[in-house]
């Protein structure tokens, strides 16, 4: 069936009819026309977006409706970046602007940096652990949720994006600071040290890197940007677990433009967004890419996914797109109406976690299912599901409040399907 499109101002809004197989992205009601710069999903229904006209927007219905929670702040400024770890979050902007939250973005508190510049990037890396990068190459670090900060100049270039490895590690998850042409890594072995390396793929005229993210649960890392020697070629770099250097991904994308954002909800599923409405998805770890086709020429500046199905992209003129079906399922159907083609046990989110995390799984038919958690010695520490479960997509919350830090495993048994995944409790 064909889809009906309606042009409103500069934004084209598409209304797919039930049964359409086209990409299923819907437009949220942002209540603003400002340039939205970043977005962070906390869970499948909660997200925070920030913008250049001083808004901090919050949704609690998956991206459909948004409210501005920046109003109570006595002084507001253009925002550039936002990041969350559980309910703890940090947002940053021009002129040293830093605010933090401990209640999922419902309210915010001003923080002071020791040598404030224009803050471009933020990272909530763990309980109380926050990073901020500015336009002078400084990184600010806090271990007490933003109450106090240390400052260190790690590059001569602006710190455009901060991200971290999101899988179980022995020595802690390294943090990465991305500039337009280089990448620095902070190792977690004491004492922490930043090591900067040049990204040779972004050395030509007009070539720049803009965003990076490692796959949730452990797996490849991805960097998005543009190579501009002969044309503005949207570019993706990948660092596989077996690689020692970042390598170009052959995207097969022929159109010109820049990738501004990247999201990697798993090692297989990756999304990128960028100028002129570019929005692409890979389901095979970046080997090939599917155009998600949204009828707009507005820039999509950032994208965030909490799992393989729930995601939000934000852009110019207040544009917000959201999906609850991974962006490729027929429109009009709800999560509970979709019958999976097979058994699926997704990687938990967040990971590492403290003290709770969400586990999602899918069943193609009603069946008896067990979902259990084990410690590194193979001892069962929790039983999350035990009994008959209907076909469809399901999620369960695991609270590890009584357990010690370390690597744990969760296993799904349903019919002839058995799968085990690893996750890390990090206090």
Protein backbone atom coordinates (compact mmCIF):
# COMPACT_ATOMS: atom_id res chain seq x y z
CA UNK A 1 0.00 0.00 0.00
CA UNK A 2 1.17 3.55 -0.66
CA UNK A 3 1.90 6.10 2.02
CA UNK A 4 0.37 9.55 2.24
CA UNK A 5 2.74 12.52 2.73
CA UNK A 6 1.80 15.99 3.99
CA UNK A 7 4.19 18.97 3.93
CA UNK A 8 4.05 21.24 6.98
CA UNK A 9 6.49 24.17 6.87
CA UNK A 10 9.96 22.84 6.15
CA UNK A 11 9.17 19.39 7.56
CA UNK A 12 7.60 16.58 5.57
CA UNK A 13 5.55 14.25 7.74
CA UNK A 14 4.74 10.81 6.46
CA UNK A 15 1.75 8.80 7.60
CA UNK A 16 2.20 5.15 6.71
CA UNK A 17 -0.90 3.05 6.34
CA UNK A 18 -1.28 -0.19 8.31
CA UNK A 19 0.38 -3.01 6.42
CA UNK A 20 3.07 -0.87 4.78
CA UNK A 21 6.52 -2.43 4.81
CA UNK A 22 8.33 0.92 4.67
CA UNK A 23 10.59 2.22 7.41
CA UNK A 24 8.52 2.98 10.49
CA UNK A 25 9.73 6.24 11.97
CA UNK A 26 7.17 8.60 13.47
CA UNK A 27 7.47 12.30 14.29
CA UNK A 28 7.28 13.47 17.90
CA UNK A 29 5.80 16.73 19.11
CA UNK A 30 8.83 18.69 20.37
CA UNK A 31 7.06 22.00 20.96
CA UNK A 32 10.06 23.93 19.60
CA UNK A 33 11.64 24.97 16.30
CA UNK A 34 15.19 25.22 17.63
CA UNK A 35 18.15 23.15 16.48
CA UNK A 36 18.23 20.03 18.65
CA UNK A 37 21.81 18.90 19.19
CA UNK A 38 21.74 15.67 21.20
CA UNK A 39 19.48 13.00 22.70
CA UNK A 40 19.93 10.23 25.26
CA UNK A 41 17.51 7.35 25.92
CA UNK A 42 17.22 6.11 29.51
CA UNK A 43 14.80 3.25 28.80
CA UNK A 44 12.21 2.31 26.19
CA UNK A 45 9.93 5.25 27.05
CA UNK A 46 12.15 7.90 28.67
CA UNK A 47 14.59 10.19 26.87
CA UNK A 48 16.18 13.64 27.18
CA UNK A 49 16.97 15.94 24.23
CA UNK A 50 18.80 19.29 24.32
CA UNK A 51 18.86 22.23 21.93
CA UNK A 52 20.56 25.47 20.96
CA UNK A 53 17.64 27.65 22.02
CA UNK A 54 18.08 26.58 25.66
CA UNK A 55 15.58 23.71 25.85
CA UNK A 56 16.07 20.51 27.82
CA UNK A 57 13.24 18.29 26.58
CA UNK A 58 11.94 15.15 28.29
CA UNK A 59 9.62 12.42 27.04
CA UNK A 60 8.05 9.60 29.02
CA UNK A 61 6.05 8.01 26.19
CA UNK A 62 8.81 6.83 23.87
CA UNK A 63 9.24 10.10 21.97
CA UNK A 64 5.69 11.05 21.03
CA UNK A 65 5.29 14.04 23.38
CA UNK A 66 7.95 16.25 25.01
CA UNK A 67 8.03 18.85 27.77
CA UNK A 68 10.72 21.47 28.50
CA UNK A 69 12.22 20.76 31.94
CA UNK A 70 14.79 23.60 31.70
CA UNK A 71 12.26 26.23 32.78
CA UNK A 72 13.10 26.09 36.54
CA UNK A 73 16.78 26.88 35.84
CA UNK A 74 17.48 30.53 36.71
CA UNK A 75 19.84 30.95 33.74
CA UNK A 76 19.82 28.85 30.61
CA UNK A 77 22.11 28.67 27.60
CA UNK A 78 22.58 26.87 24.28
CA UNK A 79 23.10 23.15 24.98
CA UNK A 80 25.42 20.85 23.02
CA UNK A 81 25.38 17.40 24.60
CA UNK A 82 23.60 15.15 27.11
CA UNK A 83 24.43 11.72 28.56
CA UNK A 84 22.93 9.31 31.10
CA UNK A 85 23.94 6.34 33.22
CA UNK A 86 20.75 5.01 34.77
CA UNK A 87 18.91 7.98 36.28
CA UNK A 88 22.10 10.03 36.60
CA UNK A 89 22.66 12.49 33.76
CA UNK A 90 24.78 15.45 32.70
CA UNK A 91 24.07 18.14 30.07
CA UNK A 92 26.59 20.70 28.84
CA UNK A 93 26.58 23.86 26.76
CA UNK A 94 28.29 27.13 25.92
CA UNK A 95 30.19 29.30 28.44
CA UNK A 96 30.97 26.44 30.82
CA UNK A 97 27.34 25.41 31.21
CA UNK A 98 27.01 22.11 33.12
CA UNK A 99 23.90 20.73 34.82
CA UNK A 100 23.34 17.32 36.38
CA UNK A 101 20.33 15.26 37.40
CA UNK A 102 19.80 12.25 39.65
CA UNK A 103 16.12 11.60 38.92
CA UNK A 104 16.04 10.78 35.22
CA UNK A 105 16.03 14.38 34.02
CA UNK A 106 12.96 15.57 35.92
CA UNK A 107 15.01 18.29 37.65
CA UNK A 108 18.53 19.68 37.15
CA UNK A 109 21.25 21.30 39.26
CA UNK A 110 23.92 23.78 38.13
CA UNK A 111 27.58 22.73 38.44
CA UNK A 112 30.82 24.74 38.17
CA UNK A 113 33.94 23.78 36.21
CA UNK A 114 37.44 24.91 37.28
CA UNK A 115 38.34 26.44 33.88
CA UNK A 116 35.16 26.71 31.86
CA UNK A 117 35.13 26.99 28.08
CA UNK A 118 32.39 26.13 25.61
CA UNK A 119 31.49 22.57 26.60
CA UNK A 120 30.83 20.37 23.57
CA UNK A 121 30.50 16.84 24.92
CA UNK A 122 29.30 14.96 28.00
CA UNK A 123 29.54 11.39 29.26
CA UNK A 124 27.91 9.77 32.27
CA UNK A 125 30.24 6.78 32.61
CA UNK A 126 29.11 5.09 35.83
CA UNK A 127 27.73 5.77 39.30
CA UNK A 128 28.86 9.32 40.10
CA UNK A 129 31.43 9.21 37.27
CA UNK A 130 31.09 12.01 34.71
CA UNK A 131 33.22 13.53 31.94
CA UNK A 132 32.93 16.85 30.06
CA UNK A 133 34.93 17.94 27.00
CA UNK A 134 35.37 21.55 25.85
CA UNK A 135 36.46 23.43 22.74
CA UNK A 136 40.02 23.98 24.00
CA UNK A 137 40.92 20.27 24.25
CA UNK A 138 40.27 19.96 27.99
CA UNK A 139 38.51 17.05 29.66
CA UNK A 140 36.88 17.57 33.06
CA UNK A 141 36.29 14.54 35.26
CA UNK A 142 34.08 14.06 38.33
CA UNK A 143 33.68 11.07 40.62
CA UNK A 144 31.00 12.63 42.82
CA UNK A 145 28.16 13.31 40.33
CA UNK A 146 29.47 16.75 39.37
CA UNK A 147 30.07 18.27 42.80
CA UNK A 148 33.81 18.64 42.10
CA UNK A 149 35.89 18.37 38.92
CA UNK A 150 39.48 17.87 37.86
CA UNK A 151 40.70 19.34 34.56
CA UNK A 152 43.27 17.99 32.10
CA UNK A 153 44.24 19.28 28.64
CA UNK A 154 44.58 16.20 26.45
CA UNK A 155 44.52 17.67 22.92
CA UNK A 156 45.08 20.83 20.92
CA UNK A 157 41.75 20.13 19.22
CA UNK A 158 38.17 20.54 20.55
CA UNK A 159 36.71 17.51 22.34
CA UNK A 160 33.70 16.95 20.12
CA UNK A 161 32.39 13.64 21.53
CA UNK A 162 32.99 11.42 24.58
CA UNK A 163 32.08 7.74 24.60
CA UNK A 164 33.18 4.51 26.27
CA UNK A 165 33.54 0.78 25.73
CA UNK A 166 30.24 -0.80 26.82
CA UNK A 167 31.20 -4.41 27.49
CA UNK A 168 32.59 -6.42 30.41
CA UNK A 169 36.28 -5.78 31.08
CA UNK A 170 38.79 -6.79 33.72
CA UNK A 171 40.39 -3.35 34.23
CA UNK A 172 37.35 -1.14 33.75
CA UNK A 173 35.86 0.38 30.61
CA UNK A 174 38.15 2.80 28.74
CA UNK A 175 36.81 6.26 27.85
CA UNK A 176 37.38 7.83 24.42
CA UNK A 177 37.58 11.54 23.52
CA UNK A 178 36.95 12.31 19.85
CA UNK A 179 38.18 15.47 18.12
CA UNK A 180 37.65 16.37 14.44
CA UNK A 181 40.85 14.54 13.45
CA UNK A 182 42.05 12.46 16.42
CA UNK A 183 40.97 10.04 19.13
CA UNK A 184 42.27 9.88 22.71
CA UNK A 185 41.76 6.91 25.01
CA UNK A 186 41.88 7.01 28.81
CA UNK A 187 43.00 3.64 30.13
CA UNK A 188 41.53 2.66 33.49
CA UNK A 189 44.62 0.94 34.84
CA UNK A 190 45.95 3.21 37.62
CA UNK A 191 46.97 5.88 37.16
CA UNK A 192 44.57 6.76 34.30
CA UNK A 193 46.46 8.09 31.26
CA UNK A 194 45.14 9.71 28.07
CA UNK A 195 46.77 8.55 24.82
CA UNK A 196 45.98 10.51 21.63
CA UNK A 197 46.27 9.09 18.11
CA UNK A 198 45.57 10.74 14.76
CA UNK A 199 42.66 9.45 12.68
CA UNK A 200 44.28 9.38 9.24
CA UNK A 201 40.88 8.96 7.56
CA UNK A 202 39.94 12.54 8.54
CA UNK A 203 43.07 14.45 7.47
CA UNK A 204 41.96 15.78 4.07
CA UNK A 205 40.40 19.18 3.39
CA UNK A 206 36.86 19.19 4.79
CA UNK A 207 37.27 15.82 6.54
CA UNK A 208 36.02 15.63 10.13
CA UNK A 209 34.86 13.11 12.75
CA UNK A 210 31.73 13.96 14.75
CA UNK A 211 30.47 11.06 16.90
CA UNK A 212 31.47 7.65 18.21
CA UNK A 213 29.91 4.74 20.07
CA UNK A 214 30.80 1.19 21.04
CA UNK A 215 28.25 -1.59 20.73
CA UNK A 216 26.14 -2.20 23.82
CA UNK A 217 27.26 -5.34 25.61
CA UNK A 218 30.70 -5.42 24.01
CA UNK A 219 31.62 -5.54 20.35
CA UNK A 220 32.77 -3.20 17.59
CA UNK A 221 33.10 0.55 17.93
CA UNK A 222 31.94 3.03 15.28
CA UNK A 223 32.91 6.61 14.41
CA UNK A 224 30.77 8.77 12.10
CA UNK A 225 31.89 11.79 10.06
CA UNK A 226 32.74 13.02 6.58
CA UNK A 227 35.66 12.73 4.16
CA UNK A 228 35.94 15.85 2.04
CA UNK A 229 38.92 15.59 -0.28
CA UNK A 230 36.95 15.33 -3.52
CA UNK A 231 33.34 15.27 -2.28
CA UNK A 232 31.50 15.35 1.03
CA UNK A 233 31.40 11.58 1.48
CA UNK A 234 29.53 10.34 4.59
CA UNK A 235 32.02 8.16 6.42
CA UNK A 236 31.94 5.41 9.05
CA UNK A 237 34.95 3.88 10.80
CA UNK A 238 34.83 0.58 12.68
CA UNK A 239 37.08 -0.97 15.32
CA UNK A 240 36.43 -4.70 15.56
CA UNK A 241 37.56 -6.60 18.65
CA UNK A 242 40.33 -8.19 16.58
CA UNK A 243 41.55 -4.83 15.20
CA UNK A 244 44.25 -2.53 16.53
CA UNK A 245 43.32 0.40 14.24
CA UNK A 246 40.07 1.98 13.08
CA UNK A 247 39.14 1.00 9.52
CA UNK A 248 36.85 2.53 6.91
CA UNK A 249 33.51 0.81 6.41
CA UNK A 250 32.42 0.36 2.80
CA UNK A 251 28.92 1.79 3.14
CA UNK A 252 27.78 1.67 -0.48
CA UNK A 253 26.08 5.05 0.10
CA UNK A 254 26.34 7.20 -3.04
CA UNK A 255 24.83 10.48 -1.82
CA UNK A 256 26.92 13.35 -0.47
CA UNK A 257 26.63 14.56 3.09
CA UNK A 258 27.92 14.26 6.65
CA UNK A 259 27.09 11.72 9.36
CA UNK A 260 26.55 13.61 12.63
CA UNK A 261 25.43 10.77 14.93
CA UNK A 262 25.81 7.03 15.50
CA UNK A 263 24.04 4.52 17.77
CA UNK A 264 25.04 0.87 18.29
CA UNK A 265 22.42 -0.94 20.40
CA UNK A 266 24.14 -4.28 19.65
CA UNK A 267 27.13 -5.66 17.80
CA UNK A 268 24.93 -6.37 14.77
CA UNK A 269 22.51 -3.43 14.69
CA UNK A 270 23.92 0.08 14.10
CA UNK A 271 22.26 3.36 13.09
CA UNK A 272 23.77 6.54 11.65
CA UNK A 273 22.13 9.90 10.93
CA UNK A 274 23.26 13.13 9.32
CA UNK A 275 22.74 16.02 6.96
CA UNK A 276 19.80 16.31 4.54
CA UNK A 277 17.81 13.80 6.59
CA UNK A 278 20.21 10.88 6.15
CA UNK A 279 19.19 7.92 8.30
CA UNK A 280 20.69 4.46 7.75
CA UNK A 281 20.60 1.11 9.55
CA UNK A 282 22.86 -1.94 9.44
CA UNK A 283 21.82 -5.35 10.73
CA UNK A 284 25.11 -7.13 10.04
CA UNK A 285 27.66 -5.16 12.03
CA UNK A 286 28.17 -2.44 9.41
CA UNK A 287 28.78 -4.61 6.34
CA UNK A 288 25.74 -3.20 4.51
CA UNK A 289 23.33 -0.32 5.14
CA UNK A 290 19.61 0.22 4.59
CA UNK A 291 18.23 3.71 3.92
CA UNK A 292 15.48 4.38 6.45
CA UNK A 293 13.87 6.94 4.08
CA UNK A 294 12.35 9.89 5.93
CA UNK A 295 11.03 12.66 3.63
CA UNK A 296 12.95 15.69 4.89
CA UNK A 297 16.05 17.69 4.00
CA UNK A 298 16.54 18.78 7.61
CA UNK A 299 19.72 17.68 9.34
CA UNK A 300 19.43 14.86 11.87
CA UNK A 301 22.10 15.78 14.43
CA UNK A 302 22.05 12.92 16.96
CA UNK A 303 20.55 9.47 17.49
CA UNK A 304 20.14 7.20 20.52
CA UNK A 305 18.84 3.63 20.93
CA UNK A 306 18.17 1.87 24.23
CA UNK A 307 17.92 -1.53 22.49
CA UNK A 308 17.53 -2.78 18.92
CA UNK A 309 13.91 -1.58 18.69
CA UNK A 310 13.51 1.68 20.65
CA UNK A 311 15.29 4.75 19.31
CA UNK A 312 15.06 8.51 18.83
CA UNK A 313 16.76 10.88 16.38
CA UNK A 314 16.75 14.69 16.74
CA UNK A 315 17.56 17.45 14.29
CA UNK A 316 17.06 20.97 13.02
CA UNK A 317 13.84 22.98 13.41
CA UNK A 318 12.78 20.89 16.41
CA UNK A 319 12.55 17.68 14.38
CA UNK A 320 12.23 14.52 16.51
CA UNK A 321 11.77 11.04 15.05
CA UNK A 322 11.08 7.95 17.14
CA UNK A 323 10.59 4.24 16.58
CA UNK A 324 9.59 1.31 18.77
CA UNK A 325 10.14 -1.31 16.09
CA UNK A 326 13.72 -0.77 15.01
CA UNK A 327 12.70 1.50 12.18
CA UNK A 328 11.94 -1.24 9.65
CA UNK A 329 8.67 -2.88 10.71
CA UNK A 330 5.32 -2.12 9.06
CA UNK A 331 3.76 1.06 10.41
CA UNK A 332 0.74 1.24 12.61
CA UNK A 333 1.39 -1.96 14.55
CA UNK A 334 2.15 -1.87 18.26
CA UNK A 335 4.96 -3.82 19.93
CA UNK A 336 2.54 -6.29 21.42
CA UNK A 337 0.97 -6.92 17.98
CA UNK A 338 4.25 -7.94 16.34
CA UNK A 339 5.06 -11.66 16.32
CA UNK A 340 8.82 -12.28 16.12
CA UNK A 341 10.14 -14.58 13.43
CA UNK A 342 12.29 -16.48 15.92
CA UNK A 343 13.67 -16.63 19.45
CA UNK A 344 15.78 -13.66 20.55
CA UNK A 345 17.68 -12.86 23.72
CA UNK A 346 19.01 -9.29 23.49
CA UNK A 347 21.98 -7.82 25.32
CA UNK A 348 20.91 -6.10 28.53
CA UNK A 349 20.89 -2.32 28.87
CA UNK A 350 22.66 -0.59 30.47
CA UNK A 351 25.79 -2.72 30.62
CA UNK A 352 27.80 -2.37 32.84
CA UNK A 353 25.00 -1.62 35.32
CA UNK A 354 24.38 -0.62 38.95
CA UNK A 355 22.21 -1.84 40.52
CA UNK A 356 19.52 -2.68 37.93
CA UNK A 357 19.29 -3.39 34.22
CA UNK A 358 16.69 -4.39 31.62
CA UNK A 359 16.69 -7.72 29.76
CA UNK A 360 14.61 -8.09 26.58
CA UNK A 361 13.65 -11.30 24.81
CA UNK A 362 11.32 -12.43 22.02
CA UNK A 363 9.27 -15.61 21.51
CA UNK A 364 7.70 -16.62 18.17
CA UNK A 365 4.98 -18.67 19.92
CA UNK A 366 3.54 -19.22 23.37
CA UNK A 367 5.94 -21.52 25.18
CA UNK A 368 7.39 -22.45 28.55
CA UNK A 369 10.41 -20.24 29.23
CA UNK A 370 13.09 -19.89 31.89
CA UNK A 371 15.30 -16.83 32.30
CA UNK A 372 17.92 -17.24 35.03
CA UNK A 373 21.00 -15.38 36.26
CA UNK A 374 24.26 -17.09 37.33
CA UNK A 375 27.48 -15.88 38.90
CA UNK A 376 30.95 -16.64 37.53
CA UNK A 377 30.99 -19.94 39.49
CA UNK A 378 27.86 -21.16 37.74
CA UNK A 379 25.65 -20.70 40.80
CA UNK A 380 22.12 -19.47 40.15
CA UNK A 381 21.51 -16.11 41.84
CA UNK A 382 18.11 -15.17 40.37
CA UNK A 383 15.21 -16.62 38.40
CA UNK A 384 13.49 -13.88 36.40
CA UNK A 385 11.07 -15.90 34.26
CA UNK A 386 9.63 -19.37 34.88
CA UNK A 387 6.42 -20.44 33.18
CA UNK A 388 4.39 -20.09 30.01
CA UNK A 389 4.90 -16.81 28.17
CA UNK A 390 2.90 -15.52 25.18
CA UNK A 391 4.45 -14.86 21.78
CA UNK A 392 5.89 -11.39 21.31
CA UNK A 393 8.55 -9.05 22.66
CA UNK A 394 9.05 -8.95 26.42
CA UNK A 395 11.31 -7.25 28.92
CA UNK A 396 12.15 -7.87 32.56
CA UNK A 397 14.03 -5.74 35.09
CA UNK A 398 16.87 -7.35 37.06
CA UNK A 399 17.82 -5.73 40.37
CA UNK A 400 21.23 -6.81 41.66
CA UNK A 401 21.05 -4.77 44.86
CA UNK A 402 22.21 -7.66 47.04
CA UNK A 403 25.04 -8.86 44.81
CA UNK A 404 28.71 -7.90 44.71
CA UNK A 405 30.49 -6.40 41.71
CA UNK A 406 31.61 -8.78 38.99
CA UNK A 407 30.73 -10.65 35.81
CA UNK A 408 27.40 -12.49 35.72
CA UNK A 409 25.55 -14.50 33.09
CA UNK A 410 21.87 -14.70 32.12
CA UNK A 411 20.42 -17.65 30.21
CA UNK A 412 17.16 -18.11 28.32
CA UNK A 413 15.68 -21.56 27.76
CA UNK A 414 12.50 -21.75 25.66
CA UNK A 415 11.52 -24.77 23.59
CA UNK A 416 14.70 -25.92 21.86
CA UNK A 417 16.22 -22.45 22.18
CA UNK A 418 19.05 -21.91 24.68
CA UNK A 419 21.23 -18.79 24.79
CA UNK A 420 23.54 -17.29 27.41
CA UNK A 421 24.82 -13.71 27.58
CA UNK A 422 27.34 -12.02 29.86
CA UNK A 423 26.91 -8.76 31.78
CA UNK A 424 28.82 -6.76 34.36
CA UNK A 425 27.68 -5.42 37.72
CA UNK A 426 29.96 -2.46 38.45
CA UNK A 427 29.55 -0.63 41.74
